[in-house]
Amino acid sequence: MYLIPLQSNKTAFRTAHPGFTVPLYCTSTGRVLLAFCPKEEAKDIIENSDRQKHTPFTITDVDLIMR
């Protein structure tokens, strides 16, 4: 969840305002958080996420995300 809006030159999440949420599997910050979770916990979070493409480059395959 975004707490403070930050300026970026990326347009993927233009509507990022306080309270806006994005899934962990498709953001760099989310992937860092998942990387420091126990492997089974991270996999469980990813498997139970509604994995939709937010950009043409979004990876939704659980095994690819886990790599």
Protein backbone atom coordinates (compact mmCIF):
# COMPACT_ATOMS: atom_id res chain seq x y z
CA MET A 1 0.00 0.00 0.00
CA TYR A 2 1.31 3.41 -0.91
CA LEU A 3 1.59 5.74 2.07
CA ILE A 4 3.33 8.65 0.37
CA PRO A 5 3.08 9.44 -3.35
CA LEU A 6 6.48 9.71 -5.07
CA GLN A 7 7.15 11.21 -8.48
CA SER A 8 8.40 8.83 -11.14
CA ASN A 9 9.00 8.94 -14.87
CA LYS A 10 7.31 5.52 -15.15
CA THR A 11 3.67 5.48 -16.16
CA ALA A 12 2.72 1.94 -15.09
CA PHE A 13 0.96 3.05 -11.92
CA ARG A 14 -0.06 6.64 -12.62
CA THR A 15 -2.81 6.44 -10.04
CA ALA A 16 -0.44 5.69 -7.16
CA HIS A 17 -1.86 7.78 -4.34
CA PRO A 18 -1.98 7.16 -0.59
CA GLY A 19 -4.03 4.02 0.00
CA PHE A 20 -3.49 2.68 -3.54
CA THR A 21 -2.35 -0.96 -3.56
CA VAL A 22 -0.61 -3.15 -6.12
CA PRO A 23 0.22 -6.85 -5.81
CA LEU A 24 3.67 -7.81 -4.52
CA TYR A 25 4.46 -10.06 -7.50
CA CYS A 26 4.53 -7.23 -10.05
CA THR A 27 6.52 -4.41 -8.46
CA SER A 28 10.21 -4.15 -7.69
CA THR A 29 9.49 -3.26 -4.06
CA GLY A 30 7.09 -6.18 -3.76
CA ARG A 31 9.63 -8.58 -5.18
CA VAL A 32 12.24 -7.39 -2.69
CA LEU A 33 9.79 -8.03 0.15
CA LEU A 34 9.00 -11.50 -1.23
CA ALA A 35 12.72 -12.26 -1.62
CA PHE A 36 13.22 -11.87 2.12
CA CYS A 37 10.22 -14.03 3.08
CA PRO A 38 10.68 -17.74 3.73
CA LYS A 39 10.38 -19.49 0.36
CA GLU A 40 7.14 -21.34 1.16
CA GLU A 41 5.51 -18.16 2.51
CA ALA A 42 6.48 -16.21 -0.61
CA LYS A 43 5.17 -18.99 -2.86
CA ASP A 44 1.90 -19.11 -0.90
CA ILE A 45 1.45 -15.34 -1.27
CA ILE A 46 2.11 -15.52 -5.01
CA GLU A 47 -0.12 -18.54 -5.59
CA ASN A 48 -2.99 -16.87 -3.73
CA SER A 49 -2.63 -13.58 -5.60
CA ASP A 50 -4.94 -12.70 -8.46
CA ARG A 51 -2.07 -12.68 -10.95
CA GLN A 52 -3.15 -10.33 -13.72
CA LYS A 53 -0.99 -8.51 -16.24
CA HIS A 54 -0.72 -4.82 -15.36
CA THR A 55 1.73 -4.11 -18.19
CA PRO A 56 2.81 -6.11 -21.26
CA PHE A 57 5.88 -7.20 -19.24
CA THR A 58 4.13 -8.42 -16.08
CA ILE A 59 5.16 -11.98 -15.22
CA THR A 60 2.25 -14.02 -13.86
CA ASP A 61 3.70 -17.55 -13.85
CA VAL A 62 4.40 -18.66 -10.25
CA ASP A 63 7.62 -20.52 -11.11
CA LEU A 64 9.04 -17.57 -13.05
CA ILE A 65 8.20 -15.17 -10.23
CA MET A 66 9.83 -17.50 -7.70
CA ARG A 67 13.04 -17.57 -9.76
